[in-house]
C-alpha atoms as a PDB file:
ATOM      1  CA  MET A   1      39.587  35.236 -39.841  1.00  0.00           C
ATOM      2  CA  THR A   2      41.870  32.418 -39.523  1.00  0.00           C
ATOM      3  CA  ALA A   3      42.601  30.373 -36.502  1.00  0.00           C
ATOM      4  CA  SER A   4      43.722  32.102 -33.393  1.00  0.00           C
ATOM      5  CA  SER A   5      47.777  32.968 -33.625  1.00  0.00           C
ATOM      6  CA  HIS A   6      47.521  30.896 -29.774  1.00  0.00           C
ATOM      7  CA  PRO A   7      47.773  27.656 -29.760  1.00  0.00           C
ATOM      8  CA  PRO A   8      44.833  25.117 -28.285  1.00  0.00           C
ATOM      9  CA  ARG A   9      45.217  24.301 -25.081  1.00  0.00           C
ATOM     10  CA  TRP A  10      44.850  20.509 -25.035  1.00  0.00           C
ATOM     11  CA  LEU A  11      43.419  19.618 -21.038  1.00  0.00           C
ATOM     12  CA  GLY A  12      43.081  15.530 -21.017  1.00  0.00           C
ATOM     13  CA  PHE A  13      40.976  14.334 -18.080  1.00  0.00           C
ATOM     14  CA  ALA A  14      40.224  11.089 -16.818  1.00  0.00           C
ATOM     15  CA  ASP A  15      37.068  10.186 -17.633  1.00  0.00           C
ATOM     16  CA  ALA A  16      33.594  12.451 -18.678  1.00  0.00           C
ATOM     17  CA  ALA A  17      32.498  13.355 -15.179  1.00  0.00           C
ATOM     18  CA  ALA A  18      35.798  14.926 -15.107  1.00  0.00           C
ATOM     19  CA  LEU A  19      35.552  16.630 -18.452  1.00  0.00           C
ATOM     20  CA  GLN A  20      31.977  17.712 -17.097  1.00  0.00           C
ATOM     21  CA  THR A  21      32.800  18.751 -13.694  1.00  0.00           C
ATOM     22  CA  ALA A  22      35.980  20.894 -15.534  1.00  0.00           C
ATOM     23  CA  ALA A  23      33.462  22.621 -17.660  1.00  0.00           C
ATOM     24  CA  VAL A  24      31.301  23.362 -14.606  1.00  0.00           C
ATOM     25  CA  ALA A  25      34.301  24.675 -13.058  1.00  0.00           C
ATOM     26  CA  ALA A  26      34.636  27.076 -16.272  1.00  0.00           C
ATOM     27  CA  ILE A  27      31.485  28.147 -16.908  1.00  0.00           C
ATOM     28  CA  ALA A  28      31.419  29.677 -12.858  1.00  0.00           C
ATOM     29  CA  ASP A  29      34.620  31.166 -12.948  1.00  0.00           C
ATOM     30  CA  ALA A  30      33.940  33.166 -16.555  1.00  0.00           C
ATOM     31  CA  ALA A  31      30.371  34.388 -15.255  1.00  0.00           C
ATOM     32  CA  GLU A  32      32.248  34.921 -12.181  1.00  0.00           C
ATOM     33  CA  ALA A  33      34.370  37.616 -13.843  1.00  0.00           C
ATOM     34  CA  ALA A  34      32.133  38.317 -16.269  1.00  0.00           C
ATOM     35  CA  LEU A  35      29.080  39.666 -13.901  1.00  0.00           C
ATOM     36  CA  ARG A  36      31.515  41.367 -11.606  1.00  0.00           C
ATOM     37  CA  LEU A  37      33.779  43.079 -14.524  1.00  0.00           C
ATOM     38  CA  ARG A  38      30.705  44.718 -16.632  1.00  0.00           C
ATOM     39  CA  GLY A  39      27.320  43.281 -15.221  1.00  0.00           C
ATOM     40  CA  ARG A  40      26.003  40.667 -17.998  1.00  0.00           C
ATOM     41  CA  PHE A  41      27.069  37.171 -18.941  1.00  0.00           C
ATOM     42  CA  ASP A  42      26.867  36.149 -22.664  1.00  0.00           C
ATOM     43  CA  ILE A  43      27.555  32.528 -23.361  1.00  0.00           C
ATOM     44  CA  VAL A  44      26.481  30.629 -26.295  1.00  0.00           C
ATOM     45  CA  LEU A  45      25.290  26.823 -26.134  1.00  0.00           C
ATOM     46  CA  ALA A  46      26.461  24.202 -27.541  1.00  0.00           C
ATOM     47  CA  GLY A  47      24.090  20.645 -28.820  1.00  0.00           C
ATOM     48  CA  GLY A  48      24.941  16.772 -27.660  1.00  0.00           C
ATOM     49  CA  THR A  49      24.769  14.861 -24.858  1.00  0.00           C
ATOM     50  CA  THR A  50      28.108  16.051 -23.661  1.00  0.00           C
ATOM     51  CA  PRO A  51      27.092  18.943 -23.569  1.00  0.00           C
ATOM     52  CA  LYS A  52      23.262  17.869 -22.005  1.00  0.00           C
ATOM     53  CA  ALA A  53      25.307  16.528 -19.126  1.00  0.00           C
ATOM     54  CA  ILE A  54      27.110  19.643 -18.456  1.00  0.00           C
ATOM     55  CA  TYR A  55      24.081  21.939 -18.404  1.00  0.00           C
ATOM     56  CA  ALA A  56      22.034  19.438 -15.814  1.00  0.00           C
ATOM     57  CA  ALA A  57      25.077  20.276 -13.333  1.00  0.00           C
ATOM     58  CA  CYS A  58      25.098  23.777 -13.965  1.00  0.00           C
ATOM     59  CA  ARG A  59      21.561  24.104 -12.618  1.00  0.00           C
ATOM     60  CA  GLY A  60      23.360  24.426  -8.724  1.00  0.00           C
ATOM     61  CA  LEU A  61      26.007  27.431  -9.968  1.00  0.00           C
ATOM     62  CA  ALA A  62      24.828  29.976  -7.364  1.00  0.00           C
ATOM     63  CA  THR A  63      24.947  33.224  -9.805  1.00  0.00           C
ATOM     64  CA  ASP A  64      22.967  36.141 -10.475  1.00  0.00           C
ATOM     65  CA  TRP A  65      20.951  34.321 -13.267  1.00  0.00           C
ATOM     66  CA  SER A  66      18.813  37.334 -14.035  1.00  0.00           C
ATOM     67  CA  ARG A  67      22.056  38.586 -15.988  1.00  0.00           C
ATOM     68  CA  TRP A  68      22.494  35.920 -17.864  1.00  0.00           C
ATOM     69  CA  HIS A  69      22.319  35.588 -21.653  1.00  0.00           C
ATOM     70  CA  CYS A  70      22.062  32.916 -23.346  1.00  0.00           C
ATOM     71  CA  TYR A  71      22.538  32.163 -27.271  1.00  0.00           C
ATOM     72  CA  PHE A  72      22.802  28.989 -29.733  1.00  0.00           C
ATOM     73  CA  GLY A  73      25.600  28.374 -31.888  1.00  0.00           C
ATOM     74  CA  ASP A  74      23.642  26.059 -34.334  1.00  0.00           C
ATOM     75  CA  GLU A  75      19.918  24.680 -34.481  1.00  0.00           C
ATOM     76  CA  ARG A  76      18.182  22.309 -36.450  1.00  0.00           C
ATOM     77  CA  CYS A  77      15.343  23.736 -39.106  1.00  0.00           C
ATOM     78  CA  LEU A  78      12.740  22.121 -36.893  1.00  0.00           C
ATOM     79  CA  PRO A  79       9.245  23.262 -35.592  1.00  0.00           C
ATOM     80  CA  ILE A  80       9.750  24.939 -32.257  1.00  0.00           C
ATOM     81  CA  ASP A  81       8.706  22.583 -30.099  1.00  0.00           C
ATOM     82  CA  ASP A  82      10.832  19.473 -31.228  1.00  0.00           C
ATOM     83  CA  PRO A  83      12.913  17.648 -28.787  1.00  0.00           C
ATOM     84  CA  GLU A  84      15.463  17.564 -30.746  1.00  0.00           C
ATOM     85  CA  ARG A  85      16.241  21.218 -31.360  1.00  0.00           C
ATOM     86  CA  ASN A  86      18.822  22.474 -29.242  1.00  0.00           C
ATOM     87  CA  SER A  87      17.116  24.886 -27.950  1.00  0.00           C
ATOM     88  CA  VAL A  88      14.452  22.465 -26.592  1.00  0.00           C
ATOM     89  CA  MET A  89      17.230  20.016 -25.002  1.00  0.00           C
ATOM     90  CA  ALA A  90      19.062  22.917 -23.055  1.00  0.00           C
ATOM     91  CA  ARG A  91      16.090  24.432 -21.974  1.00  0.00           C
ATOM     92  CA  ALA A  92      14.742  20.520 -20.458  1.00  0.00           C
ATOM     93  CA  ALA A  93      18.030  20.001 -18.890  1.00  0.00           C
ATOM     94  CA  TRP A  94      18.910  23.424 -17.505  1.00  0.00           C
ATOM     95  CA  LEU A  95      17.543  26.484 -18.642  1.00  0.00           C
ATOM     96  CA  ASP A  96      13.513  26.080 -17.167  1.00  0.00           C
ATOM     97  CA  HIS A  97      15.135  25.272 -14.350  1.00  0.00           C
ATOM     98  CA  VAL A  98      16.839  28.442 -12.929  1.00  0.00           C
ATOM     99  CA  PRO A  99      15.623  31.958 -13.395  1.00  0.00           C
ATOM    100  CA  ILE A 100      17.232  33.553 -16.678  1.00  0.00           C
ATOM    101  CA  PRO A 101      14.727  35.673 -17.804  1.00  0.00           C
ATOM    102  CA  ALA A 102      12.678  34.779 -20.916  1.00  0.00           C
ATOM    103  CA  ALA A 103      13.297  37.536 -22.694  1.00  0.00           C
ATOM    104  CA  GLN A 104      17.252  36.472 -22.483  1.00  0.00           C
ATOM    105  CA  ILE A 105      17.235  33.521 -23.806  1.00  0.00           C
ATOM    106  CA  TYR A 106      17.802  33.995 -27.299  1.00  0.00           C
ATOM    107  CA  ALA A 107      16.676  30.923 -29.687  1.00  0.00           C
ATOM    108  CA  ILE A 108      17.423  30.807 -33.052  1.00  0.00           C
ATOM    109  CA  PRO A 109      14.069  30.715 -35.015  1.00  0.00           C
ATOM    110  CA  ALA A 110      15.408  27.789 -37.352  1.00  0.00           C
ATOM    111  CA  GLU A 111      11.406  26.897 -37.385  1.00  0.00           C
ATOM    112  CA  LEU A 112      11.875  29.844 -40.245  1.00  0.00           C
ATOM    113  CA  GLY A 113      13.940  28.028 -42.543  1.00  0.00           C
ATOM    114  CA  ALA A 114      17.808  28.270 -42.704  1.00  0.00           C
ATOM    115  CA  THR A 115      17.736  30.913 -45.249  1.00  0.00           C
ATOM    116  CA  SER A 116      15.490  33.104 -43.008  1.00  0.00           C
ATOM    117  CA  GLY A 117      16.546  31.553 -39.470  1.00  0.00           C
ATOM    118  CA  ALA A 118      19.711  32.996 -40.075  1.00  0.00           C
ATOM    119  CA  VAL A 119      18.609  35.966 -41.731  1.00  0.00           C
ATOM    120  CA  ALA A 120      17.047  36.771 -38.109  1.00  0.00           C
ATOM    121  CA  TYR A 121      19.390  35.573 -35.973  1.00  0.00           C
ATOM    122  CA  ALA A 122      22.368  37.641 -37.244  1.00  0.00           C
ATOM    123  CA  ARG A 123      19.899  40.059 -36.728  1.00  0.00           C
ATOM    124  CA  THR A 124      20.025  39.095 -32.806  1.00  0.00           C
ATOM    125  CA  LEU A 125      23.348  39.342 -32.776  1.00  0.00           C
ATOM    126  CA  SER A 126      24.250  42.808 -33.972  1.00  0.00           C
ATOM    127  CA  GLY A 127      25.374  44.877 -30.961  1.00  0.00           C
ATOM    128  CA  VAL A 128      26.523  42.141 -29.370  1.00  0.00           C
ATOM    129  CA  GLY A 129      29.994  42.636 -28.755  1.00  0.00           C
ATOM    130  CA  SER A 130      31.905  40.054 -28.043  1.00  0.00           C
ATOM    131  CA  PHE A 131      30.619  36.300 -25.925  1.00  0.00           C
ATOM    132  CA  ASP A 132      31.550  35.577 -21.981  1.00  0.00           C
ATOM    133  CA  PHE A 133      32.072  32.214 -23.060  1.00  0.00           C
ATOM    134  CA  VAL A 134      31.045  29.452 -26.091  1.00  0.00           C
ATOM    135  CA  LEU A 135      30.696  26.516 -25.670  1.00  0.00           C
ATOM    136  CA  LEU A 136      31.239  24.124 -27.844  1.00  0.00           C
ATOM    137  CA  GLY A 137      32.027  20.100 -29.170  1.00  0.00           C
ATOM    138  CA  LEU A 138      33.207  18.254 -32.225  1.00  0.00           C
ATOM    139  CA  GLY A 139      31.501  15.493 -34.707  1.00  0.00           C
ATOM    140  CA  GLU A 140      33.237  12.980 -36.281  1.00  0.00           C
ATOM    141  CA  ASP A 141      33.546  14.840 -39.181  1.00  0.00           C
ATOM    142  CA  GLY A 142      35.323  17.661 -36.916  1.00  0.00           C
ATOM    143  CA  HIS A 143      32.427  19.627 -37.676  1.00  0.00           C
ATOM    144  CA  THR A 144      31.385  21.939 -34.179  1.00  0.00           C
ATOM    145  CA  ALA A 145      28.148  24.314 -34.727  1.00  0.00           C
ATOM    146  CA  SER A 146      27.095  22.513 -38.245  1.00  0.00           C
ATOM    147  CA  LEU A 147      29.895  23.950 -39.825  1.00  0.00           C
ATOM    148  CA  PHE A 148      31.053  20.458 -41.886  1.00  0.00           C
ATOM    149  CA  PRO A 149      33.560  19.793 -43.849  1.00  0.00           C
ATOM    150  CA  GLY A 150      32.903  20.454 -47.753  1.00  0.00           C
ATOM    151  CA  HIS A 151      30.237  23.756 -46.750  1.00  0.00           C
ATOM    152  CA  ALA A 152      31.287  27.313 -46.290  1.00  0.00           C
ATOM    153  CA  TRP A 153      32.065  28.313 -42.487  1.00  0.00           C
ATOM    154  CA  GLY A 154      31.892  31.813 -42.789  1.00  0.00           C
ATOM    155  CA  GLU A 155      35.788  32.453 -41.220  1.00  0.00           C
ATOM    156  CA  THR A 156      36.841  35.901 -43.556  1.00  0.00           C
ATOM    157  CA  ALA A 157      36.316  39.140 -40.982  1.00  0.00           C
ATOM    158  CA  ASP A 158      33.541  39.980 -43.466  1.00  0.00           C
ATOM    159  CA  ALA A 159      31.081  36.484 -42.822  1.00  0.00           C
ATOM    160  CA  ALA A 160      27.719  36.937 -41.822  1.00  0.00           C
ATOM    161  CA  ASP A 161      27.276  36.357 -38.386  1.00  0.00           C
ATOM    162  CA  ALA A 162      24.981  33.464 -38.472  1.00  0.00           C
ATOM    163  CA  LEU A 163      24.944  31.316 -42.050  1.00  0.00           C
ATOM    164  CA  PRO A 164      21.877  29.394 -43.562  1.00  0.00           C
ATOM    165  CA  VAL A 165      23.089  25.624 -44.163  1.00  0.00           C
ATOM    166  CA  PHE A 166      21.657  22.806 -46.788  1.00  0.00           C
ATOM    167  CA  ASN A 167      22.752  19.540 -46.914  1.00  0.00           C
ATOM    168  CA  ALA A 168      24.086  18.787 -43.485  1.00  0.00           C
ATOM    169  CA  PRO A 169      25.529  15.394 -43.997  1.00  0.00           C
ATOM    170  CA  LYS A 170      23.481  14.607 -40.576  1.00  0.00           C
ATOM    171  CA  PRO A 171      20.171  14.584 -40.622  1.00  0.00           C
ATOM    172  CA  PRO A 172      17.666  17.510 -40.797  1.00  0.00           C
ATOM    173  CA  PRO A 173      19.788  18.438 -43.615  1.00  0.00           C
ATOM    174  CA  GLU A 174      18.694  22.507 -43.314  1.00  0.00           C
ATOM    175  CA  ARG A 175      19.869  23.901 -40.433  1.00  0.00           C
ATOM    176  CA  VAL A 176      21.320  27.576 -38.785  1.00  0.00           C
ATOM    177  CA  SER A 177      24.201  28.266 -37.466  1.00  0.00           C
ATOM    178  CA  MET A 178      26.498  31.065 -36.302  1.00  0.00           C
ATOM    179  CA  SER A 179      29.681  31.973 -38.628  1.00  0.00           C
ATOM    180  CA  ALA A 180      33.198  31.036 -37.029  1.00  0.00           C
ATOM    181  CA  ALA A 181      34.031  34.368 -37.376  1.00  0.00           C
ATOM    182  CA  ARG A 182      31.509  34.931 -34.304  1.00  0.00           C
ATOM    183  CA  LEU A 183      31.801  32.074 -32.654  1.00  0.00           C
ATOM    184  CA  SER A 184      35.581  33.688 -32.204  1.00  0.00           C
ATOM    185  CA  ARG A 185      34.328  36.799 -30.870  1.00  0.00           C
ATOM    186  CA  ALA A 186      34.516  35.766 -27.228  1.00  0.00           C
ATOM    187  CA  ARG A 187      37.333  35.956 -24.633  1.00  0.00           C
ATOM    188  CA  ARG A 188      37.080  32.295 -23.843  1.00  0.00           C
ATOM    189  CA  VAL A 189      36.257  29.279 -26.064  1.00  0.00           C
ATOM    190  CA  VAL A 190      35.981  25.162 -24.874  1.00  0.00           C
ATOM    191  CA  PHE A 191      35.552  22.446 -26.763  1.00  0.00           C
ATOM    192  CA  ALA A 192      33.678  19.604 -24.614  1.00  0.00           C
ATOM    193  CA  VAL A 193      34.904  16.243 -26.679  1.00  0.00           C
ATOM    194  CA  THR A 194      33.892  12.608 -25.360  1.00  0.00           C
ATOM    195  CA  GLY A 195      33.869   9.437 -27.318  1.00  0.00           C
ATOM    196  CA  GLU A 196      36.108   6.826 -28.774  1.00  0.00           C
ATOM    197  CA  SER A 197      34.652   7.624 -32.131  1.00  0.00           C
ATOM    198  CA  LYS A 198      35.982  11.645 -31.622  1.00  0.00           C
ATOM    199  CA  ARG A 199      38.924   9.969 -32.097  1.00  0.00           C
ATOM    200  CA  THR A 200      39.847  10.376 -35.905  1.00  0.00           C
ATOM    201  CA  ALA A 201      39.127  14.019 -35.912  1.00  0.00           C
ATOM    202  CA  VAL A 202      40.793  14.408 -32.777  1.00  0.00           C
ATOM    203  CA  ASN A 203      44.175  13.151 -34.251  1.00  0.00           C
ATOM    204  CA  ALA A 204      43.516  15.373 -37.700  1.00  0.00           C
ATOM    205  CA  TRP A 205      42.600  18.182 -35.484  1.00  0.00           C
ATOM    206  CA  ARG A 206      45.914  17.589 -33.598  1.00  0.00           C
ATOM    207  CA  ALA A 207      48.368  17.642 -37.095  1.00  0.00           C
ATOM    208  CA  GLY A 208      46.995  20.529 -38.113  1.00  0.00           C
ATOM    209  CA  GLU A 209      44.173  19.762 -40.531  1.00  0.00           C
ATOM    210  CA  ALA A 210      42.392  22.210 -41.874  1.00  0.00           C
ATOM    211  CA  LEU A 211      38.812  21.198 -40.416  1.00  0.00           C
ATOM    212  CA  PRO A 212      35.550  23.618 -39.216  1.00  0.00           C
ATOM    213  CA  ALA A 213      36.452  23.082 -35.604  1.00  0.00           C
ATOM    214  CA  SER A 214      40.348  24.433 -35.860  1.00  0.00           C
ATOM    215  CA  ALA A 215      38.823  27.562 -38.072  1.00  0.00           C
ATOM    216  CA  ILE A 216      36.988  28.604 -34.041  1.00  0.00           C
ATOM    217  CA  SER A 217      40.338  31.335 -32.163  1.00  0.00           C
ATOM    218  CA  ALA A 218      39.626  33.187 -29.553  1.00  0.00           C
ATOM    219  CA  ASP A 219      40.724  36.603 -27.750  1.00  0.00           C
ATOM    220  CA  ASN A 220      42.835  33.871 -25.871  1.00  0.00           C
ATOM    221  CA  ALA A 221      43.933  29.952 -27.079  1.00  0.00           C
ATOM    222  CA  ILE A 222      40.769  27.991 -27.342  1.00  0.00           C
ATOM    223  CA  GLU A 223      41.094  25.140 -24.477  1.00  0.00           C
ATOM    224  CA  ILE A 224      39.762  21.514 -25.745  1.00  0.00           C
ATOM    225  CA  PHE A 225      38.303  19.370 -22.706  1.00  0.00           C
ATOM    226  CA  CYS A 226      39.171  16.119 -23.488  1.00  0.00           C
ATOM    227  CA  GLU A 227      39.150  12.458 -22.175  1.00  0.00           C
ATOM    228  CA  GLN A 228      42.414  11.375 -21.875  1.00  0.00           C
ATOM    229  CA  GLY A 229      42.663   8.341 -23.677  1.00  0.00           C
ATOM    230  CA  LEU A 230      41.508  10.440 -27.129  1.00  0.00           C
ATOM    231  CA  LEU A 231      45.290  12.169 -26.482  1.00  0.00           C
ATOM    232  CA  ALA A 232      47.205   8.496 -26.432  1.00  0.00           C
ATOM    233  CA  PRO A 233      48.662   7.792 -29.547  1.00  0.00           C
ATOM    234  CA  SER A 234      45.659   4.884 -31.360  1.00  0.00           C
ATOM    235  CA  PRO A 235      45.883   1.502 -29.983  1.00  0.00           C
END
């Protein structure tokens, strides 16, 4: 799979708070549409500080939580209760505070190790159709989820839904990540990008460089929610 034929939509926001408010509204809109049309809402969650603030704000959404199904774009190979795990962060910030049934929160079993965890999560994802909403971040090097430059991204149509990641350039070295192809099977994909440290990656993406993030597509154009200052020329 290659990047979508739809060019990405770059949306600038005055600051991180405004971006987070817009992201929560986007999630709410997607949930409302999915519940109305299909009776369930399938969302993929990201790790990181920007998503954490978004999750905390999502606690107040007026929605039928019993029909939400939550997946994770990637996970670190750490003990199941390690605070550095994305699933632990998402639970503490949001999921433990709303009545989503526990059986509908699909944590990646990365504590099994990268290979076994990826096989197990691919099994969990089999039979799941297009996600309704995928939230992603952008790393300083252009990575997203745990898809890093110089590693396999799983862009092709025959790629596994979940990939083992070894020798990641940031700790821990072993991880499990959804493939670019699986993340791209989505009705809506939103990247949340904040912080001056992301400027180089933003510039590279906008210049058309091949980055893990740019390998993600969607049923429609992906949306990149970005602090406005990152879209201005470098000072």
